[in-house]
C-alpha atoms as a PDB file:
ATOM      1  CA  MET A   1      11.875  12.001  -6.067  1.00  0.00           C
ATOM      2  CA  LYS A   2      10.981   8.917  -9.434  1.00  0.00           C
ATOM      3  CA  PHE A   3      15.183   7.902  -8.163  1.00  0.00           C
ATOM      4  CA  LEU A   4      14.368   7.892  -4.700  1.00  0.00           C
ATOM      5  CA  PHE A   5      10.907   6.392  -4.733  1.00  0.00           C
ATOM      6  CA  PRO A   6      10.913   4.399  -8.250  1.00  0.00           C
ATOM      7  CA  VAL A   7       7.160   3.739  -9.488  1.00  0.00           C
ATOM      8  CA  GLU A   8       6.313   0.568  -8.878  1.00  0.00           C
ATOM      9  CA  SER A   9       3.331  -1.212 -11.187  1.00  0.00           C
ATOM     10  CA  VAL A  10       0.156  -2.157  -9.898  1.00  0.00           C
ATOM     11  CA  ARG A  11       1.076  -5.679  -9.903  1.00  0.00           C
ATOM     12  CA  GLY A  12       2.950  -4.678  -7.048  1.00  0.00           C
ATOM     13  CA  LYS A  13       1.163  -2.945  -5.426  1.00  0.00           C
ATOM     14  CA  LEU A  14      -1.260  -5.606  -5.629  1.00  0.00           C
ATOM     15  CA  THR A  15       1.170  -8.480  -4.724  1.00  0.00           C
ATOM     16  CA  ARG A  16       2.277  -6.107  -1.656  1.00  0.00           C
ATOM     17  CA  MET A  17      -1.141  -5.460  -0.105  1.00  0.00           C
ATOM     18  CA  ALA A  18      -2.412  -8.949  -0.416  1.00  0.00           C
ATOM     19  CA  MET A  19       0.362 -10.567   0.796  1.00  0.00           C
ATOM     20  CA  THR A  20       0.331  -8.043   3.675  1.00  0.00           C
ATOM     21  CA  THR A  21      -3.141  -8.175   4.014  1.00  0.00           C
ATOM     22  CA  ALA A  22      -2.448 -12.103   4.489  1.00  0.00           C
ATOM     23  CA  PHE A  23      -0.026 -11.483   7.154  1.00  0.00           C
ATOM     24  CA  VAL A  24      -1.730  -8.934   8.862  1.00  0.00           C
ATOM     25  CA  ALA A  25      -4.765 -11.653   9.224  1.00  0.00           C
ATOM     26  CA  VAL A  26      -2.095 -15.307   9.659  1.00  0.00           C
ATOM     27  CA  PHE A  27      -0.635 -12.929  12.151  1.00  0.00           C
ATOM     28  CA  ALA A  28      -3.641 -12.228  13.773  1.00  0.00           C
ATOM     29  CA  ALA A  29      -4.727 -15.080  14.159  1.00  0.00           C
ATOM     30  CA  ALA A  30      -1.987 -17.435  15.186  1.00  0.00           C
ATOM     31  CA  LEU A  31      -1.143 -14.637  18.128  1.00  0.00           C
ATOM     32  CA  SER A  32      -4.663 -15.489  19.043  1.00  0.00           C
ATOM     33  CA  MET A  33      -4.105 -19.146  19.061  1.00  0.00           C
ATOM     34  CA  LEU A  34      -0.648 -18.873  20.990  1.00  0.00           C
ATOM     35  CA  VAL A  35      -2.624 -16.497  23.560  1.00  0.00           C
ATOM     36  CA  TYR A  36      -5.594 -19.238  23.760  1.00  0.00           C
ATOM     37  CA  ASP A  37      -3.165 -21.896  24.155  1.00  0.00           C
ATOM     38  CA  LEU A  38      -0.867 -20.763  26.511  1.00  0.00           C
ATOM     39  CA  GLU A  39      -4.038 -19.929  28.635  1.00  0.00           C
ATOM     40  CA  SER A  40      -5.772 -23.150  27.915  1.00  0.00           C
ATOM     41  CA  PHE A  41      -2.038 -24.567  28.923  1.00  0.00           C
ATOM     42  CA  ARG A  42      -1.710 -22.508  32.133  1.00  0.00           C
ATOM     43  CA  ARG A  43      -5.351 -23.567  33.116  1.00  0.00           C
ATOM     44  CA  THR A  44      -4.611 -27.519  32.370  1.00  0.00           C
ATOM     45  CA  TRP A  45      -1.545 -26.883  33.857  1.00  0.00           C
ATOM     46  CA  VAL A  46      -3.286 -25.435  37.627  1.00  0.00           C
ATOM     47  CA  GLU A  47      -6.152 -27.865  37.783  1.00  0.00           C
ATOM     48  CA  ASP A  48      -3.870 -30.865  37.048  1.00  0.00           C
ATOM     49  CA  ILE A  49      -1.390 -29.194  40.205  1.00  0.00           C
ATOM     50  CA  THR A  50      -4.033 -28.182  42.081  1.00  0.00           C
ATOM     51  CA  ALA A  51      -6.423 -32.343  41.242  1.00  0.00           C
ATOM     52  CA  GLN A  52      -2.470 -33.401  42.438  1.00  0.00           C
ATOM     53  CA  ALA A  53      -2.419 -31.390  46.064  1.00  0.00           C
ATOM     54  CA  ARG A  54      -5.725 -32.345  46.869  1.00  0.00           C
ATOM     55  CA  LEU A  55      -4.940 -36.351  46.225  1.00  0.00           C
ATOM     56  CA  VAL A  56      -1.783 -35.773  48.484  1.00  0.00           C
ATOM     57  CA  GLY A  57      -4.058 -34.144  51.230  1.00  0.00           C
ATOM     58  CA  ARG A  58      -6.944 -36.880  51.559  1.00  0.00           C
ATOM     59  CA  ALA A  59      -4.293 -39.616  51.322  1.00  0.00           C
ATOM     60  CA  ALA A  60      -2.430 -37.554  54.146  1.00  0.00           C
ATOM     61  CA  ALA A  61      -5.413 -36.215  56.395  1.00  0.00           C
ATOM     62  CA  PRO A  62      -5.223 -39.657  58.778  1.00  0.00           C
ATOM     63  CA  ALA A  63      -1.284 -39.313  59.130  1.00  0.00           C
ATOM     64  CA  LEU A  64      -2.221 -35.253  59.964  1.00  0.00           C
ATOM     65  CA  SER A  65      -5.447 -36.975  62.285  1.00  0.00           C
ATOM     66  CA  PHE A  66      -3.606 -39.408  64.318  1.00  0.00           C
ATOM     67  CA  SER A  67       0.067 -36.765  63.926  1.00  0.00           C
ATOM     68  CA  ASP A  68       1.983 -39.789  62.301  1.00  0.00           C
ATOM     69  CA  GLY A  69       4.816 -37.461  60.406  1.00  0.00           C
ATOM     70  CA  GLN A  70       6.612 -40.775  58.338  1.00  0.00           C
ATOM     71  CA  ALA A  71       2.814 -41.704  56.914  1.00  0.00           C
ATOM     72  CA  ALA A  72       2.491 -38.124  56.123  1.00  0.00           C
ATOM     73  CA  ALA A  73       6.112 -38.403  54.760  1.00  0.00           C
ATOM     74  CA  ASP A  74       5.830 -41.757  52.684  1.00  0.00           C
ATOM     75  CA  ASN A  75       2.048 -39.828  50.867  1.00  0.00           C
ATOM     76  CA  LEU A  76       4.419 -36.797  49.602  1.00  0.00           C
ATOM     77  CA  ALA A  77       7.159 -40.071  48.425  1.00  0.00           C
ATOM     78  CA  MET A  78       4.346 -40.533  46.010  1.00  0.00           C
ATOM     79  CA  LEU A  79       4.932 -37.369  44.047  1.00  0.00           C
ATOM     80  CA  ARG A  80       8.299 -39.059  42.420  1.00  0.00           C
ATOM     81  CA  ALA A  81       6.120 -40.195  39.779  1.00  0.00           C
ATOM     82  CA  ARG A  82       6.192 -36.587  38.698  1.00  0.00           C
ATOM     83  CA  PRO A  83       9.189 -35.225  37.456  1.00  0.00           C
ATOM     84  CA  ALA A  84       8.222 -31.503  36.655  1.00  0.00           C
ATOM     85  CA  VAL A  85       7.693 -31.613  40.431  1.00  0.00           C
ATOM     86  CA  LEU A  86       9.975 -29.956  42.823  1.00  0.00           C
ATOM     87  CA  GLU A  87       8.988 -29.955  46.180  1.00  0.00           C
ATOM     88  CA  SER A  88       6.036 -29.911  48.469  1.00  0.00           C
ATOM     89  CA  VAL A  89       4.995 -29.727  52.278  1.00  0.00           C
ATOM     90  CA  ILE A  90       2.473 -31.002  54.415  1.00  0.00           C
ATOM     91  CA  PHE A  91       1.588 -28.085  56.655  1.00  0.00           C
ATOM     92  CA  ASP A  92      -0.081 -29.544  59.884  1.00  0.00           C
ATOM     93  CA  ALA A  93      -3.561 -27.181  61.667  1.00  0.00           C
ATOM     94  CA  HIS A  94      -1.001 -24.422  62.940  1.00  0.00           C
ATOM     95  CA  GLY A  95       1.032 -23.702  59.611  1.00  0.00           C
ATOM     96  CA  LYS A  96       3.979 -25.974  60.741  1.00  0.00           C
ATOM     97  CA  PRO A  97       5.655 -27.839  57.926  1.00  0.00           C
ATOM     98  CA  PHE A  98       4.839 -31.811  59.753  1.00  0.00           C
ATOM     99  CA  ALA A  99       6.418 -33.737  56.283  1.00  0.00           C
ATOM    100  CA  THR A 100       8.567 -32.857  53.386  1.00  0.00           C
ATOM    101  CA  TYR A 101       9.580 -33.905  49.528  1.00  0.00           C
ATOM    102  CA  SER A 102      11.971 -32.363  47.213  1.00  0.00           C
ATOM    103  CA  ARG A 103      12.836 -33.796  44.399  1.00  0.00           C
ATOM    104  CA  ASP A 104      16.937 -32.136  44.801  1.00  0.00           C
ATOM    105  CA  ALA A 105      17.079 -33.246  48.518  1.00  0.00           C
ATOM    106  CA  ARG A 106      17.403 -29.425  49.530  1.00  0.00           C
ATOM    107  CA  ALA A 107      17.785 -28.614  53.069  1.00  0.00           C
ATOM    108  CA  ALA A 108      14.875 -27.492  55.113  1.00  0.00           C
ATOM    109  CA  SER A 109      15.810 -24.350  55.460  1.00  0.00           C
ATOM    110  CA  GLU A 110      14.707 -23.520  51.348  1.00  0.00           C
ATOM    111  CA  PHE A 111      10.968 -24.635  52.314  1.00  0.00           C
ATOM    112  CA  PRO A 112       8.209 -22.627  52.984  1.00  0.00           C
ATOM    113  CA  LYS A 113       8.081 -21.655  56.890  1.00  0.00           C
ATOM    114  CA  THR A 114       4.158 -20.801  56.491  1.00  0.00           C
ATOM    115  CA  PRO A 115       1.703 -22.011  54.055  1.00  0.00           C
ATOM    116  CA  GLU A 116      -0.489 -19.246  52.668  1.00  0.00           C
ATOM    117  CA  GLY A 117      -4.169 -18.501  51.268  1.00  0.00           C
ATOM    118  CA  ALA A 118      -5.465 -21.510  49.116  1.00  0.00           C
ATOM    119  CA  GLY A 119      -4.772 -20.922  45.727  1.00  0.00           C
ATOM    120  CA  HIS A 120      -1.506 -20.738  43.065  1.00  0.00           C
ATOM    121  CA  THR A 121       1.204 -18.797  42.144  1.00  0.00           C
ATOM    122  CA  ILE A 122       3.496 -18.931  39.306  1.00  0.00           C
ATOM    123  CA  ALA A 123       6.903 -17.007  39.425  1.00  0.00           C
ATOM    124  CA  ASP A 124      10.673 -17.874  38.006  1.00  0.00           C
ATOM    125  CA  GLY A 125       9.061 -20.572  36.099  1.00  0.00           C
ATOM    126  CA  LYS A 126       7.518 -22.249  38.482  1.00  0.00           C
ATOM    127  CA  LEU A 127       4.089 -22.935  39.419  1.00  0.00           C
ATOM    128  CA  SER A 128       3.085 -23.352  43.270  1.00  0.00           C
ATOM    129  CA  VAL A 129      -0.044 -24.109  45.041  1.00  0.00           C
ATOM    130  CA  TYR A 130      -1.543 -24.297  48.409  1.00  0.00           C
ATOM    131  CA  VAL A 131      -5.082 -26.990  48.678  1.00  0.00           C
ATOM    132  CA  PRO A 132      -6.412 -26.941  52.233  1.00  0.00           C
ATOM    133  CA  VAL A 133      -6.753 -29.992  53.699  1.00  0.00           C
ATOM    134  CA  THR A 134      -9.748 -30.738  55.707  1.00  0.00           C
ATOM    135  CA  GLU A 135     -11.344 -34.106  57.693  1.00  0.00           C
ATOM    136  CA  ASN A 136     -15.242 -33.600  58.236  1.00  0.00           C
ATOM    137  CA  GLY A 137     -15.875 -30.280  57.226  1.00  0.00           C
ATOM    138  CA  GLU A 138     -12.433 -29.564  59.890  1.00  0.00           C
ATOM    139  CA  TYR A 139      -9.302 -27.389  58.110  1.00  0.00           C
ATOM    140  CA  ILE A 140      -6.207 -30.016  59.667  1.00  0.00           C
ATOM    141  CA  GLY A 141      -3.445 -28.753  57.168  1.00  0.00           C
ATOM    142  CA  THR A 142      -2.479 -27.777  54.082  1.00  0.00           C
ATOM    143  CA  VAL A 143      -0.607 -29.172  50.606  1.00  0.00           C
ATOM    144  CA  TYR A 144       1.729 -27.249  49.422  1.00  0.00           C
ATOM    145  CA  ILE A 145       3.826 -28.549  45.898  1.00  0.00           C
ATOM    146  CA  SER A 146       5.463 -26.277  43.544  1.00  0.00           C
ATOM    147  CA  GLU A 147       6.663 -27.840  40.259  1.00  0.00           C
ATOM    148  CA  VAL A 148       8.480 -27.427  36.652  1.00  0.00           C
ATOM    149  CA  PHE A 149       6.430 -24.829  35.052  1.00  0.00           C
ATOM    150  CA  PRO A 150       7.204 -24.665  31.155  1.00  0.00           C
ATOM    151  CA  LEU A 151       5.668 -21.531  29.924  1.00  0.00           C
ATOM    152  CA  VAL A 152       8.349 -20.298  27.519  1.00  0.00           C
ATOM    153  CA  GLU A 153       9.347 -23.210  26.538  1.00  0.00           C
ATOM    154  CA  ARG A 154       5.577 -24.194  25.483  1.00  0.00           C
ATOM    155  CA  ALA A 155       5.272 -20.628  23.860  1.00  0.00           C
ATOM    156  CA  GLN A 156       8.749 -21.091  22.144  1.00  0.00           C
ATOM    157  CA  SER A 157       7.961 -24.583  20.807  1.00  0.00           C
ATOM    158  CA  TYR A 158       4.476 -23.321  19.838  1.00  0.00           C
ATOM    159  CA  ALA A 159       5.723 -20.550  18.540  1.00  0.00           C
ATOM    160  CA  TRP A 160       8.141 -22.057  15.733  1.00  0.00           C
ATOM    161  CA  ILE A 161       4.915 -24.501  14.855  1.00  0.00           C
ATOM    162  CA  LEU A 162       2.895 -21.723  14.465  1.00  0.00           C
ATOM    163  CA  GLY A 163       6.271 -19.201  12.306  1.00  0.00           C
ATOM    164  CA  ALA A 164       5.677 -22.362  10.246  1.00  0.00           C
ATOM    165  CA  VAL A 165       2.150 -22.193   9.338  1.00  0.00           C
ATOM    166  CA  MET A 166       2.198 -18.092   8.893  1.00  0.00           C
ATOM    167  CA  LEU A 167       4.892 -18.847   6.204  1.00  0.00           C
ATOM    168  CA  VAL A 168       3.415 -21.495   4.368  1.00  0.00           C
ATOM    169  CA  CYS A 169       0.105 -19.574   4.619  1.00  0.00           C
ATOM    170  CA  LEU A 170       1.924 -16.733   3.105  1.00  0.00           C
ATOM    171  CA  CYS A 171       3.555 -18.716   0.175  1.00  0.00           C
ATOM    172  CA  LEU A 172      -0.176 -19.868  -0.822  1.00  0.00           C
ATOM    173  CA  ALA A 173      -1.058 -16.169  -0.700  1.00  0.00           C
ATOM    174  CA  ALA A 174       1.251 -15.334  -3.104  1.00  0.00           C
ATOM    175  CA  LEU A 175      -0.118 -17.888  -5.055  1.00  0.00           C
ATOM    176  CA  VAL A 176      -3.709 -17.026  -4.908  1.00  0.00           C
ATOM    177  CA  SER A 177      -2.915 -13.724  -5.897  1.00  0.00           C
ATOM    178  CA  ALA A 178      -0.663 -14.074  -8.632  1.00  0.00           C
ATOM    179  CA  SER A 179      -3.756 -16.546 -10.325  1.00  0.00           C
ATOM    180  CA  LEU A 180      -5.690 -13.641  -9.025  1.00  0.00           C
ATOM    181  CA  GLN A 181      -4.055 -10.442 -10.709  1.00  0.00           C
ATOM    182  CA  GLY A 182      -4.355 -11.510 -14.258  1.00  0.00           C
ATOM    183  CA  ALA A 183      -7.799 -10.612 -14.264  1.00  0.00           C
ATOM    184  CA  ILE A 184      -6.654  -6.793 -13.363  1.00  0.00           C
ATOM    185  CA  THR A 185      -3.482  -6.818 -14.632  1.00  0.00           C
ATOM    186  CA  ARG A 186      -4.125  -8.073 -18.254  1.00  0.00           C
ATOM    187  CA  PRO A 187      -6.541  -5.460 -18.953  1.00  0.00           C
ATOM    188  CA  LEU A 188      -4.720  -2.843 -17.288  1.00  0.00           C
ATOM    189  CA  GLY A 189      -1.344  -3.539 -19.567  1.00  0.00           C
ATOM    190  CA  ALA A 190      -4.167  -3.242 -23.196  1.00  0.00           C
ATOM    191  CA  ILE A 191      -4.820  -0.386 -21.530  1.00  0.00           C
ATOM    192  CA  THR A 192      -1.610   1.175 -20.771  1.00  0.00           C
ATOM    193  CA  ALA A 193       0.118  -0.241 -23.821  1.00  0.00           C
ATOM    194  CA  VAL A 194      -2.977   1.623 -26.369  1.00  0.00           C
ATOM    195  CA  ALA A 195      -2.428   4.604 -24.199  1.00  0.00           C
ATOM    196  CA  ARG A 196       1.572   3.845 -25.257  1.00  0.00           C
ATOM    197  CA  GLU A 197       0.745   3.737 -28.870  1.00  0.00           C
ATOM    198  CA  VAL A 198      -1.386   6.740 -29.206  1.00  0.00           C
ATOM    199  CA  MET A 199       1.376   8.663 -27.551  1.00  0.00           C
ATOM    200  CA  SER A 200       3.786   8.010 -29.787  1.00  0.00           C
ATOM    201  CA  ARG A 201       1.903   7.526 -33.446  1.00  0.00           C
ATOM    202  CA  LYS A 202      -0.391  10.417 -32.831  1.00  0.00           C
ATOM    203  CA  ASP A 203      -2.927   7.746 -33.359  1.00  0.00           C
ATOM    204  CA  PHE A 204      -5.795   8.069 -32.139  1.00  0.00           C
ATOM    205  CA  GLY A 205      -8.041   5.222 -34.862  1.00  0.00           C
ATOM    206  CA  LEU A 206      -6.558   2.864 -31.774  1.00  0.00           C
ATOM    207  CA  ARG A 207      -9.453   0.932 -29.662  1.00  0.00           C
ATOM    208  CA  VAL A 208      -8.398  -1.242 -26.770  1.00  0.00           C
ATOM    209  CA  ASN A 209     -10.017  -4.237 -27.473  1.00  0.00           C
ATOM    210  CA  ILE A 210     -11.150  -6.137 -24.393  1.00  0.00           C
ATOM    211  CA  SER A 211     -14.312  -6.869 -22.742  1.00  0.00           C
ATOM    212  CA  GLU A 212     -14.511  -6.166 -19.261  1.00  0.00           C
ATOM    213  CA  GLY A 213     -16.973  -5.716 -16.413  1.00  0.00           C
ATOM    214  CA  GLY A 214     -17.501  -3.201 -13.300  1.00  0.00           C
ATOM    215  CA  GLU A 215     -14.802  -0.390 -13.199  1.00  0.00           C
ATOM    216  CA  ILE A 216     -12.397  -1.960 -15.208  1.00  0.00           C
ATOM    217  CA  GLY A 217     -15.062  -1.821 -18.365  1.00  0.00           C
ATOM    218  CA  THR A 218     -16.274   1.888 -17.617  1.00  0.00           C
ATOM    219  CA  LEU A 219     -12.575   2.305 -17.919  1.00  0.00           C
ATOM    220  CA  VAL A 220     -12.139   0.673 -20.963  1.00  0.00           C
ATOM    221  CA  ASP A 221     -15.256   2.241 -22.727  1.00  0.00           C
ATOM    222  CA  ALA A 222     -14.178   5.951 -21.669  1.00  0.00           C
ATOM    223  CA  LEU A 223     -10.614   5.292 -23.281  1.00  0.00           C
ATOM    224  CA  ASN A 224     -12.127   4.259 -26.142  1.00  0.00           C
ATOM    225  CA  GLY A 225     -14.801   7.061 -26.511  1.00  0.00           C
ATOM    226  CA  MET A 226     -12.082  10.085 -25.740  1.00  0.00           C
ATOM    227  CA  LEU A 227      -9.920   8.292 -28.325  1.00  0.00           C
ATOM    228  CA  GLU A 228     -12.988   8.420 -30.960  1.00  0.00           C
ATOM    229  CA  GLU A 229     -13.717  11.967 -29.791  1.00  0.00           C
ATOM    230  CA  LEU A 230      -9.939  12.686 -29.715  1.00  0.00           C
ATOM    231  CA  GLY A 231      -9.425  11.439 -33.566  1.00  0.00           C
ATOM    232  CA  HIS A 232     -12.820  13.811 -34.516  1.00  0.00           C
ATOM    233  CA  ARG A 233     -11.515  16.610 -33.370  1.00  0.00           C
ATOM    234  CA  ALA A 234      -8.015  16.042 -35.091  1.00  0.00           C
ATOM    235  CA  GLN A 235      -9.425  15.444 -38.247  1.00  0.00           C
ATOM    236  CA  ALA A 236     -11.697  18.722 -38.231  1.00  0.00           C
ATOM    237  CA  LEU A 237      -8.461  20.327 -36.695  1.00  0.00           C
ATOM    238  CA  GLU A 238      -6.947  19.072 -40.078  1.00  0.00           C
ATOM    239  CA  ALA A 239      -9.362  20.065 -42.110  1.00  0.00           C
ATOM    240  CA  THR A 240      -9.621  23.473 -40.656  1.00  0.00           C
ATOM    241  CA  ASN A 241      -5.758  23.814 -40.949  1.00  0.00           C
ATOM    242  CA  ARG A 242      -6.234  22.991 -44.821  1.00  0.00           C
ATOM    243  CA  ARG A 243      -8.628  25.638 -45.468  1.00  0.00           C
ATOM    244  CA  LEU A 244      -6.234  28.143 -43.576  1.00  0.00           C
ATOM    245  CA  GLU A 245      -3.704  27.277 -45.609  1.00  0.00           C
ATOM    246  CA  ASP A 246      -5.593  27.508 -48.948  1.00  0.00           C
ATOM    247  CA  GLU A 247      -6.782  30.968 -47.885  1.00  0.00           C
ATOM    248  CA  ILE A 248      -2.849  32.304 -47.158  1.00  0.00           C
ATOM    249  CA  ARG A 249      -2.067  31.412 -50.393  1.00  0.00           C
ATOM    250  CA  VAL A 250      -5.288  33.069 -52.304  1.00  0.00           C
ATOM    251  CA  ARG A 251      -4.313  35.592 -49.887  1.00  0.00           C
ATOM    252  CA  GLU A 252      -0.434  36.015 -50.740  1.00  0.00           C
ATOM    253  CA  GLU A 253      -1.141  35.579 -54.302  1.00  0.00           C
ATOM    254  CA  ALA A 254      -3.711  38.553 -54.669  1.00  0.00           C
ATOM    255  CA  GLU A 255      -0.757  40.578 -52.807  1.00  0.00           C
ATOM    256  CA  ALA A 256       1.750  39.459 -55.156  1.00  0.00           C
ATOM    257  CA  ALA A 257      -1.078  40.466 -57.999  1.00  0.00           C
ATOM    258  CA  LEU A 258      -1.497  44.273 -56.240  1.00  0.00           C
ATOM    259  CA  ARG A 259       2.014  44.486 -55.830  1.00  0.00           C
ATOM    260  CA  LEU A 260       2.936  43.587 -59.546  1.00  0.00           C
ATOM    261  CA  ALA A 261      -0.161  46.624 -60.343  1.00  0.00           C
ATOM    262  CA  ASP A 262       0.967  48.952 -58.651  1.00  0.00           C
ATOM    263  CA  ARG A 263       4.778  48.480 -59.902  1.00  0.00           C
ATOM    264  CA  ARG A 264       3.191  48.610 -63.241  1.00  0.00           C
ATOM    265  CA  LYS A 265       1.430  51.526 -62.099  1.00  0.00           C
ATOM    266  CA  ASP A 266       4.136  53.331 -61.409  1.00  0.00           C
ATOM    267  CA  GLU A 267       6.223  52.236 -64.793  1.00  0.00           C
ATOM    268  CA  PHE A 268       3.317  53.907 -66.530  1.00  0.00           C
ATOM    269  CA  LEU A 269       3.203  57.034 -65.076  1.00  0.00           C
ATOM    270  CA  ALA A 270       6.994  57.755 -65.230  1.00  0.00           C
ATOM    271  CA  THR A 271       6.899  56.331 -68.990  1.00  0.00           C
ATOM    272  CA  LEU A 272       3.789  58.119 -69.637  1.00  0.00           C
ATOM    273  CA  SER A 273       5.751  61.286 -67.637  1.00  0.00           C
ATOM    274  CA  HIS A 274       9.019  61.048 -69.558  1.00  0.00           C
ATOM    275  CA  GLU A 275       7.562  60.964 -72.538  1.00  0.00           C
ATOM    276  CA  LEU A 276       5.155  63.975 -72.338  1.00  0.00           C
ATOM    277  CA  ARG A 277       8.424  65.874 -70.821  1.00  0.00           C
ATOM    278  CA  ASN A 278      10.311  65.777 -73.413  1.00  0.00           C
ATOM    279  CA  PRO A 279       8.114  67.001 -76.784  1.00  0.00           C
ATOM    280  CA  LEU A 280       6.889  69.586 -74.362  1.00  0.00           C
ATOM    281  CA  ALA A 281       9.889  70.952 -72.812  1.00  0.00           C
ATOM    282  CA  PRO A 282      11.321  72.393 -76.040  1.00  0.00           C
ATOM    283  CA  MET A 283       7.557  73.617 -77.633  1.00  0.00           C
ATOM    284  CA  ARG A 284       7.284  75.429 -73.898  1.00  0.00           C
ATOM    285  CA  SER A 285      10.837  77.146 -74.346  1.00  0.00           C
ATOM    286  CA  ALA A 286       9.901  78.315 -78.157  1.00  0.00           C
ATOM    287  CA  LEU A 287       6.971  79.311 -77.078  1.00  0.00           C
ATOM    288  CA  ASP A 288       8.577  81.577 -74.563  1.00  0.00           C
ATOM    289  CA  VAL A 289      11.299  83.533 -77.057  1.00  0.00           C
ATOM    290  CA  LEU A 290       8.081  83.564 -79.510  1.00  0.00           C
ATOM    291  CA  LYS A 291       6.217  85.493 -76.232  1.00  0.00           C
ATOM    292  CA  LEU A 292       9.310  87.975 -75.953  1.00  0.00           C
ATOM    293  CA  LYS A 293      10.233  88.773 -79.378  1.00  0.00           C
ATOM    294  CA  PHE A 294       7.001  89.501 -80.577  1.00  0.00           C
ATOM    295  CA  ALA A 295       4.791  91.669 -79.328  1.00  0.00           C
ATOM    296  CA  LEU A 296       0.832  89.983 -79.542  1.00  0.00           C
ATOM    297  CA  GLU A 297      -2.223  91.212 -78.980  1.00  0.00           C
ATOM    298  CA  ALA A 298      -3.983  90.511 -75.763  1.00  0.00           C
ATOM    299  CA  GLY A 299      -6.089  87.689 -76.617  1.00  0.00           C
ATOM    300  CA  SER A 300      -2.937  85.983 -78.571  1.00  0.00           C
ATOM    301  CA  GLU A 301      -1.240  86.516 -75.586  1.00  0.00           C
ATOM    302  CA  ARG A 302      -4.023  84.341 -73.433  1.00  0.00           C
ATOM    303  CA  LEU A 303      -3.818  81.932 -75.664  1.00  0.00           C
ATOM    304  CA  LEU A 304      -0.394  81.884 -76.252  1.00  0.00           C
ATOM    305  CA  ALA A 305      -0.048  81.114 -72.301  1.00  0.00           C
ATOM    306  CA  ILE A 306      -2.727  78.288 -72.395  1.00  0.00           C
END
């Protein structure tokens, strides 16, 4: 499993955590700014084109009142000053087209035939508004204006700007993270180095010689205390082993002395048996011969047997 998922260092984990946090924060902020900008852009664009439609309606009100189509067309011609305007229609009070304007001279059949309710619509990259025209509180017509609504282009350009800002912010976050990580990685590196030395050399006299506060300071104190305790236990274990070795040596020496004494006992008994049996055997034989050849008194025979 270590080959598939290599162990990541603390520095790598801290860097990944800082970069992930910075990316999420910057991305959320950028997304919020993008949404806010697009909404502000839409609202501003709608207010602007609505105000333009009101101006056209106010200028065309006399023409509508006197059914002067040419004057209404001249009023719509002022929209040439706004290149974004695609088309415009002035409807009379009966909902019929009264005057039209098109940037690309499109046919009259392509214009809306009837006005919709007051408001705006956004579709196919176009923003369209319908603004009613009134004269002395009386409805006399509706102004329709449709123009290019570059919301996608705005979003793309703003996204590029936010992307560049995000990249700069992430680079700054990486630099700040690298400069601040030393406060954590240096003490941990010292602790790791001492732990490796203790494992390889079995030297419990080593200590982590750094002064830190907080959790790292507690960890350092705990490690140094553990090493001190292990050192005391190692010394006690060595003393116990030496005592056991001395006792084993004394016991081996005692066993050797016992085996030597037992062997000498056996040798003594063998020698004694041999030395006694050799002279006593002919004496017993001689006594047996005396017993056979001579008639002994009753008392003498008992003595002879003894």
